[in-house]
Amino acid sequence: MKMRIKLALAIIPLGIIIAAVPENTTKPYKLTAGQMLEEVKEGIQFVTTDQVADMIIQKDPSLQLIDVRDQDSYDKFHLPGAINIPLADLLSPENEDYLNQDVKMNVFYSNGSTSANEAWMITRQLGYLNNYVMQGGLNYYAETIMNPQKPASTSPDDEFARYDFRKGASAALGGGNLSAATEDAPVAPKPVIKKAGKKKRVAGGC
């Protein structure tokens, strides 16, 4: 019975996401719905808000945050260093080389997870790699990183360690107010990134 419930919880959101995904009129999809369902159930697309915050603080050059909300929402506030590729423009030819590359770790985010998941599903179906989703989106980022809640005194040590990290991250990133922490973040230009090259076939063999 529990397995049926878990399967339903995985399939229902997938159906909602698939229904909301804009029609692809440029390139054929490479993954079937069944293959996508397996990857969604495994949650391979997610990175945590803790991972994102740590990479921002460390100024990790491999991280590229991609805000998939509309331009107005992005202009009001966005995470440091994030660029804006609205979901509606994801399939524009000008974005292909940027999304289909093996240099940066692209992390999609929106207010929640739905729009970012749609972006990941589209790029994944097209066979693009190195694209991920910030789990929970900006709402969860604000809750866990900008306003971390102290765990109960009976909580295990790892909960306190996580809280200490989040408290430090909150202080480093502005603390308490997501808008205040991000509204002054400079608008990042899209870097020039070459498309992932095709691997050469190995010479020799049978």
C-alpha atoms as a PDB file:
ATOM      1  CA  MET A   1       0.000   0.000   0.000  1.00  0.00           C
ATOM      2  CA  LYS A   2       2.814   2.378   0.915  1.00  0.00           C
ATOM      3  CA  MET A   3       4.510   1.649  -2.394  1.00  0.00           C
ATOM      4  CA  ARG A   4       1.324   2.625  -4.275  1.00  0.00           C
ATOM      5  CA  ILE A   5       1.139   5.892  -2.356  1.00  0.00           C
ATOM      6  CA  LYS A   6       4.800   6.679  -3.070  1.00  0.00           C
ATOM      7  CA  LEU A   7       4.324   5.886  -6.758  1.00  0.00           C
ATOM      8  CA  ALA A   8       1.263   8.117  -6.901  1.00  0.00           C
ATOM      9  CA  LEU A   9       3.168  10.944  -5.229  1.00  0.00           C
ATOM     10  CA  ALA A  10       5.850  10.637  -7.911  1.00  0.00           C
ATOM     11  CA  ILE A  11       3.519  10.286 -10.895  1.00  0.00           C
ATOM     12  CA  ILE A  12       1.021  13.053 -10.072  1.00  0.00           C
ATOM     13  CA  PRO A  13       3.608  15.884  -9.882  1.00  0.00           C
ATOM     14  CA  LEU A  14       5.289  14.493 -13.002  1.00  0.00           C
ATOM     15  CA  GLY A  15       1.993  14.663 -14.896  1.00  0.00           C
ATOM     16  CA  ILE A  16       1.458  18.254 -13.774  1.00  0.00           C
ATOM     17  CA  ILE A  17       4.962  19.216 -14.850  1.00  0.00           C
ATOM     18  CA  ILE A  18       4.675  17.475 -18.228  1.00  0.00           C
ATOM     19  CA  ALA A  19       1.339  19.221 -18.863  1.00  0.00           C
ATOM     20  CA  ALA A  20       2.921  22.593 -18.107  1.00  0.00           C
ATOM     21  CA  VAL A  21       6.038  22.075 -20.225  1.00  0.00           C
ATOM     22  CA  PRO A  22       5.898  24.264 -23.345  1.00  0.00           C
ATOM     23  CA  GLU A  23       5.722  22.484 -26.676  1.00  0.00           C
ATOM     24  CA  ASN A  24       9.115  21.684 -28.128  1.00  0.00           C
ATOM     25  CA  THR A  25       9.152  22.704 -31.781  1.00  0.00           C
ATOM     26  CA  THR A  26      12.909  22.796 -32.344  1.00  0.00           C
ATOM     27  CA  LYS A  27      14.524  19.478 -31.430  1.00  0.00           C
ATOM     28  CA  PRO A  28      13.325  15.906 -30.851  1.00  0.00           C
ATOM     29  CA  TYR A  29      13.218  14.666 -27.291  1.00  0.00           C
ATOM     30  CA  LYS A  30      15.673  11.881 -26.453  1.00  0.00           C
ATOM     31  CA  LEU A  31      14.095  10.441 -23.300  1.00  0.00           C
ATOM     32  CA  THR A  32      10.705   8.769 -23.008  1.00  0.00           C
ATOM     33  CA  ALA A  33       8.172   9.644 -20.332  1.00  0.00           C
ATOM     34  CA  GLY A  34       9.051   6.358 -18.599  1.00  0.00           C
ATOM     35  CA  GLN A  35      12.734   7.208 -18.492  1.00  0.00           C
ATOM     36  CA  MET A  36      11.938  10.656 -17.150  1.00  0.00           C
ATOM     37  CA  LEU A  37       9.706   9.153 -14.481  1.00  0.00           C
ATOM     38  CA  GLU A  38      12.557   6.941 -13.267  1.00  0.00           C
ATOM     39  CA  GLU A  39      14.915   9.899 -13.003  1.00  0.00           C
ATOM     40  CA  VAL A  40      12.272  12.019 -11.265  1.00  0.00           C
ATOM     41  CA  LYS A  41      11.628   9.268  -8.720  1.00  0.00           C
ATOM     42  CA  GLU A  42      15.353   9.067  -7.993  1.00  0.00           C
ATOM     43  CA  GLY A  43      15.538  12.850  -7.597  1.00  0.00           C
ATOM     44  CA  ILE A  44      18.846  13.038  -9.440  1.00  0.00           C
ATOM     45  CA  GLN A  45      18.160  16.619 -10.520  1.00  0.00           C
ATOM     46  CA  PHE A  46      18.164  18.184  -7.059  1.00  0.00           C
ATOM     47  CA  VAL A  47      20.865  20.077  -5.204  1.00  0.00           C
ATOM     48  CA  THR A  48      20.088  21.355  -1.721  1.00  0.00           C
ATOM     49  CA  THR A  49      19.889  24.962  -0.620  1.00  0.00           C
ATOM     50  CA  ASP A  50      22.825  24.201   1.696  1.00  0.00           C
ATOM     51  CA  GLN A  51      24.955  23.130  -1.280  1.00  0.00           C
ATOM     52  CA  VAL A  52      23.997  26.232  -3.250  1.00  0.00           C
ATOM     53  CA  ALA A  53      24.704  28.571  -0.313  1.00  0.00           C
ATOM     54  CA  ASP A  54      28.085  26.945   0.298  1.00  0.00           C
ATOM     55  CA  MET A  55      29.068  27.282  -3.373  1.00  0.00           C
ATOM     56  CA  ILE A  56      27.993  30.943  -3.403  1.00  0.00           C
ATOM     57  CA  ILE A  57      30.019  31.700  -0.272  1.00  0.00           C
ATOM     58  CA  GLN A  58      33.042  29.830  -1.625  1.00  0.00           C
ATOM     59  CA  LYS A  59      32.654  31.684  -4.947  1.00  0.00           C
ATOM     60  CA  ASP A  60      32.829  28.320  -6.679  1.00  0.00           C
ATOM     61  CA  PRO A  61      33.566  29.098 -10.353  1.00  0.00           C
ATOM     62  CA  SER A  62      31.823  25.928 -11.514  1.00  0.00           C
ATOM     63  CA  LEU A  63      28.416  27.136 -10.279  1.00  0.00           C
ATOM     64  CA  GLN A  64      26.025  28.975 -12.578  1.00  0.00           C
ATOM     65  CA  LEU A  65      22.633  29.846 -11.118  1.00  0.00           C
ATOM     66  CA  ILE A  66      19.835  30.254 -13.653  1.00  0.00           C
ATOM     67  CA  ASP A  67      16.709  32.121 -12.604  1.00  0.00           C
ATOM     68  CA  VAL A  68      13.834  30.800 -14.739  1.00  0.00           C
ATOM     69  CA  ARG A  69      11.272  33.313 -13.494  1.00  0.00           C
ATOM     70  CA  ASP A  70      10.098  36.247 -15.609  1.00  0.00           C
ATOM     71  CA  GLN A  71      12.279  39.316 -16.127  1.00  0.00           C
ATOM     72  CA  ASP A  72      10.376  41.490 -13.643  1.00  0.00           C
ATOM     73  CA  SER A  73      10.738  38.957 -10.821  1.00  0.00           C
ATOM     74  CA  TYR A  74      14.427  38.565 -11.612  1.00  0.00           C
ATOM     75  CA  ASP A  75      14.973  42.342 -11.623  1.00  0.00           C
ATOM     76  CA  LYS A  76      13.322  42.705  -8.211  1.00  0.00           C
ATOM     77  CA  PHE A  77      15.728  40.234  -6.644  1.00  0.00           C
ATOM     78  CA  HIS A  78      17.832  37.235  -7.553  1.00  0.00           C
ATOM     79  CA  LEU A  79      20.582  35.142  -6.040  1.00  0.00           C
ATOM     80  CA  PRO A  80      24.140  36.494  -6.346  1.00  0.00           C
ATOM     81  CA  GLY A  81      25.628  35.828  -9.763  1.00  0.00           C
ATOM     82  CA  ALA A  82      22.430  34.362 -11.207  1.00  0.00           C
ATOM     83  CA  ILE A  83      21.481  34.995 -14.815  1.00  0.00           C
ATOM     84  CA  ASN A  84      17.935  35.124 -16.149  1.00  0.00           C
ATOM     85  CA  ILE A  85      16.612  32.650 -18.703  1.00  0.00           C
ATOM     86  CA  PRO A  86      12.802  32.732 -18.359  1.00  0.00           C
ATOM     87  CA  LEU A  87      11.163  29.349 -18.821  1.00  0.00           C
ATOM     88  CA  ALA A  88       9.259  30.653 -21.848  1.00  0.00           C
ATOM     89  CA  ASP A  89      12.595  31.426 -23.571  1.00  0.00           C
ATOM     90  CA  LEU A  90      14.349  28.186 -22.661  1.00  0.00           C
ATOM     91  CA  LEU A  91      14.151  26.737 -26.173  1.00  0.00           C
ATOM     92  CA  SER A  92      15.401  29.896 -27.886  1.00  0.00           C
ATOM     93  CA  PRO A  93      18.410  29.072 -30.114  1.00  0.00           C
ATOM     94  CA  GLU A  94      20.480  31.727 -28.331  1.00  0.00           C
ATOM     95  CA  ASN A  95      20.317  29.679 -25.118  1.00  0.00           C
ATOM     96  CA  GLU A  96      21.258  26.287 -26.546  1.00  0.00           C
ATOM     97  CA  ASP A  97      25.033  26.612 -26.325  1.00  0.00           C
ATOM     98  CA  TYR A  98      24.699  27.914 -22.800  1.00  0.00           C
ATOM     99  CA  LEU A  99      22.475  25.087 -21.572  1.00  0.00           C
ATOM    100  CA  ASN A 100      24.148  22.307 -23.555  1.00  0.00           C
ATOM    101  CA  GLN A 101      27.716  22.475 -22.251  1.00  0.00           C
ATOM    102  CA  ASP A 102      30.108  20.646 -19.952  1.00  0.00           C
ATOM    103  CA  VAL A 103      31.922  23.574 -18.317  1.00  0.00           C
ATOM    104  CA  LYS A 104      29.504  24.874 -15.685  1.00  0.00           C
ATOM    105  CA  MET A 105      27.099  23.272 -13.234  1.00  0.00           C
ATOM    106  CA  ASN A 106      23.820  24.987 -14.116  1.00  0.00           C
ATOM    107  CA  VAL A 107      21.332  25.172 -11.240  1.00  0.00           C
ATOM    108  CA  PHE A 108      17.805  26.247 -12.166  1.00  0.00           C
ATOM    109  CA  TYR A 109      15.667  27.969  -9.556  1.00  0.00           C
ATOM    110  CA  SER A 110      12.287  29.676  -9.304  1.00  0.00           C
ATOM    111  CA  ASN A 111      10.084  30.652  -6.363  1.00  0.00           C
ATOM    112  CA  GLY A 112       9.250  26.997  -5.732  1.00  0.00           C
ATOM    113  CA  SER A 113      10.450  23.892  -7.564  1.00  0.00           C
ATOM    114  CA  THR A 114       7.855  23.448 -10.338  1.00  0.00           C
ATOM    115  CA  SER A 115       9.162  25.876 -12.983  1.00  0.00           C
ATOM    116  CA  ALA A 116      12.774  24.904 -12.312  1.00  0.00           C
ATOM    117  CA  ASN A 117      11.803  21.238 -12.630  1.00  0.00           C
ATOM    118  CA  GLU A 118      10.148  21.994 -15.966  1.00  0.00           C
ATOM    119  CA  ALA A 119      13.380  23.605 -17.168  1.00  0.00           C
ATOM    120  CA  TRP A 120      15.368  20.584 -16.030  1.00  0.00           C
ATOM    121  CA  MET A 121      12.952  18.139 -17.682  1.00  0.00           C
ATOM    122  CA  ILE A 122      13.140  19.966 -21.005  1.00  0.00           C
ATOM    123  CA  THR A 123      16.924  20.130 -21.031  1.00  0.00           C
ATOM    124  CA  ARG A 124      17.214  16.549 -19.796  1.00  0.00           C
ATOM    125  CA  GLN A 125      14.855  15.275 -22.495  1.00  0.00           C
ATOM    126  CA  LEU A 126      17.004  17.054 -25.057  1.00  0.00           C
ATOM    127  CA  GLY A 127      20.017  15.149 -23.749  1.00  0.00           C
ATOM    128  CA  TYR A 128      21.708  18.150 -22.124  1.00  0.00           C
ATOM    129  CA  LEU A 129      23.865  17.423 -19.080  1.00  0.00           C
ATOM    130  CA  ASN A 130      25.119  19.486 -16.123  1.00  0.00           C
ATOM    131  CA  ASN A 131      21.680  20.962 -15.377  1.00  0.00           C
ATOM    132  CA  TYR A 132      20.151  20.703 -11.909  1.00  0.00           C
ATOM    133  CA  VAL A 133      17.388  22.158  -9.717  1.00  0.00           C
ATOM    134  CA  MET A 134      17.692  23.971  -6.392  1.00  0.00           C
ATOM    135  CA  GLN A 135      15.354  21.947  -4.205  1.00  0.00           C
ATOM    136  CA  GLY A 136      12.470  24.003  -2.832  1.00  0.00           C
ATOM    137  CA  GLY A 137      13.410  27.133  -4.782  1.00  0.00           C
ATOM    138  CA  LEU A 138      13.731  30.638  -3.355  1.00  0.00           C
ATOM    139  CA  ASN A 139      10.982  30.060  -0.807  1.00  0.00           C
ATOM    140  CA  TYR A 140      12.875  27.175   0.778  1.00  0.00           C
ATOM    141  CA  TYR A 141      16.181  29.047   0.408  1.00  0.00           C
ATOM    142  CA  ALA A 142      14.707  31.911   2.449  1.00  0.00           C
ATOM    143  CA  GLU A 143      13.433  29.460   5.064  1.00  0.00           C
ATOM    144  CA  THR A 144      16.570  27.358   5.451  1.00  0.00           C
ATOM    145  CA  ILE A 145      19.424  29.727   4.666  1.00  0.00           C
ATOM    146  CA  MET A 146      18.244  33.275   5.301  1.00  0.00           C
ATOM    147  CA  ASN A 147      16.063  32.450   8.331  1.00  0.00           C
ATOM    148  CA  PRO A 148      17.311  29.158   9.813  1.00  0.00           C
ATOM    149  CA  GLN A 149      15.391  27.857  12.809  1.00  0.00           C
ATOM    150  CA  LYS A 150      17.315  26.550  15.805  1.00  0.00           C
ATOM    151  CA  PRO A 151      16.634  22.819  16.319  1.00  0.00           C
ATOM    152  CA  ALA A 152      15.083  21.436  19.487  1.00  0.00           C
ATOM    153  CA  SER A 153      17.465  20.630  22.342  1.00  0.00           C
ATOM    154  CA  THR A 154      16.787  16.917  21.806  1.00  0.00           C
ATOM    155  CA  SER A 155      17.807  17.044  18.133  1.00  0.00           C
ATOM    156  CA  PRO A 156      20.799  14.975  16.971  1.00  0.00           C
ATOM    157  CA  ASP A 157      24.223  16.585  16.578  1.00  0.00           C
ATOM    158  CA  ASP A 158      24.033  16.701  12.802  1.00  0.00           C
ATOM    159  CA  GLU A 159      20.954  18.952  13.063  1.00  0.00           C
ATOM    160  CA  PHE A 160      22.934  21.403  15.204  1.00  0.00           C
ATOM    161  CA  ALA A 161      25.862  21.235  12.787  1.00  0.00           C
ATOM    162  CA  ARG A 162      23.495  22.038   9.904  1.00  0.00           C
ATOM    163  CA  TYR A 163      21.997  24.902  11.890  1.00  0.00           C
ATOM    164  CA  ASP A 164      25.443  26.329  12.652  1.00  0.00           C
ATOM    165  CA  PHE A 165      26.325  26.233   8.958  1.00  0.00           C
ATOM    166  CA  ARG A 166      23.051  27.888   7.967  1.00  0.00           C
ATOM    167  CA  LYS A 167      23.448  30.553  10.640  1.00  0.00           C
ATOM    168  CA  GLY A 168      26.928  31.358   9.328  1.00  0.00           C
ATOM    169  CA  ALA A 169      25.698  31.309   5.729  1.00  0.00           C
ATOM    170  CA  SER A 170      22.848  33.646   6.634  1.00  0.00           C
ATOM    171  CA  ALA A 171      25.300  36.124   8.158  1.00  0.00           C
ATOM    172  CA  ALA A 172      27.605  35.896   5.126  1.00  0.00           C
ATOM    173  CA  LEU A 173      24.747  36.364   2.645  1.00  0.00           C
ATOM    174  CA  GLY A 174      22.940  39.238   4.306  1.00  0.00           C
ATOM    175  CA  GLY A 175      20.777  37.359   6.791  1.00  0.00           C
ATOM    176  CA  GLY A 176      17.094  37.458   7.562  1.00  0.00           C
ATOM    177  CA  ASN A 177      15.707  39.143   4.463  1.00  0.00           C
ATOM    178  CA  LEU A 178      15.959  37.507   1.060  1.00  0.00           C
ATOM    179  CA  SER A 179      14.964  40.666  -0.792  1.00  0.00           C
ATOM    180  CA  ALA A 180      17.512  42.791   1.043  1.00  0.00           C
ATOM    181  CA  ALA A 181      20.211  40.213   0.460  1.00  0.00           C
ATOM    182  CA  THR A 182      19.570  39.860  -3.253  1.00  0.00           C
ATOM    183  CA  GLU A 183      18.073  43.079  -4.586  1.00  0.00           C
ATOM    184  CA  ASP A 184      21.506  44.696  -4.843  1.00  0.00           C
ATOM    185  CA  ALA A 185      23.029  41.698  -6.590  1.00  0.00           C
ATOM    186  CA  PRO A 186      24.390  42.851  -9.938  1.00  0.00           C
ATOM    187  CA  VAL A 187      22.650  41.707 -13.081  1.00  0.00           C
ATOM    188  CA  ALA A 188      24.991  39.062 -14.446  1.00  0.00           C
ATOM    189  CA  PRO A 189      25.658  38.996 -18.186  1.00  0.00           C
ATOM    190  CA  LYS A 190      25.490  35.611 -19.819  1.00  0.00           C
ATOM    191  CA  PRO A 191      29.026  34.286 -20.125  1.00  0.00           C
ATOM    192  CA  VAL A 192      30.218  32.928 -23.434  1.00  0.00           C
ATOM    193  CA  ILE A 193      30.341  29.149 -23.121  1.00  0.00           C
ATOM    194  CA  LYS A 194      31.032  26.843 -25.999  1.00  0.00           C
ATOM    195  CA  LYS A 195      28.679  23.976 -26.687  1.00  0.00           C
ATOM    196  CA  ALA A 196      29.762  20.576 -25.485  1.00  0.00           C
ATOM    197  CA  GLY A 197      31.777  18.949 -28.226  1.00  0.00           C
ATOM    198  CA  LYS A 198      31.080  15.485 -29.520  1.00  0.00           C
ATOM    199  CA  LYS A 199      33.507  12.856 -28.319  1.00  0.00           C
ATOM    200  CA  LYS A 200      35.769  11.411 -30.978  1.00  0.00           C
ATOM    201  CA  ARG A 201      35.511   7.742 -31.655  1.00  0.00           C
ATOM    202  CA  VAL A 202      38.461   5.728 -30.448  1.00  0.00           C
ATOM    203  CA  ALA A 203      40.605   4.469 -33.305  1.00  0.00           C
ATOM    204  CA  GLY A 204      41.243   0.769 -33.667  1.00  0.00           C
ATOM    205  CA  GLY A 205      39.175  -2.032 -32.247  1.00  0.00           C
ATOM    206  CA  CYS A 206      37.171  -4.638 -34.089  1.00  0.00           C
END
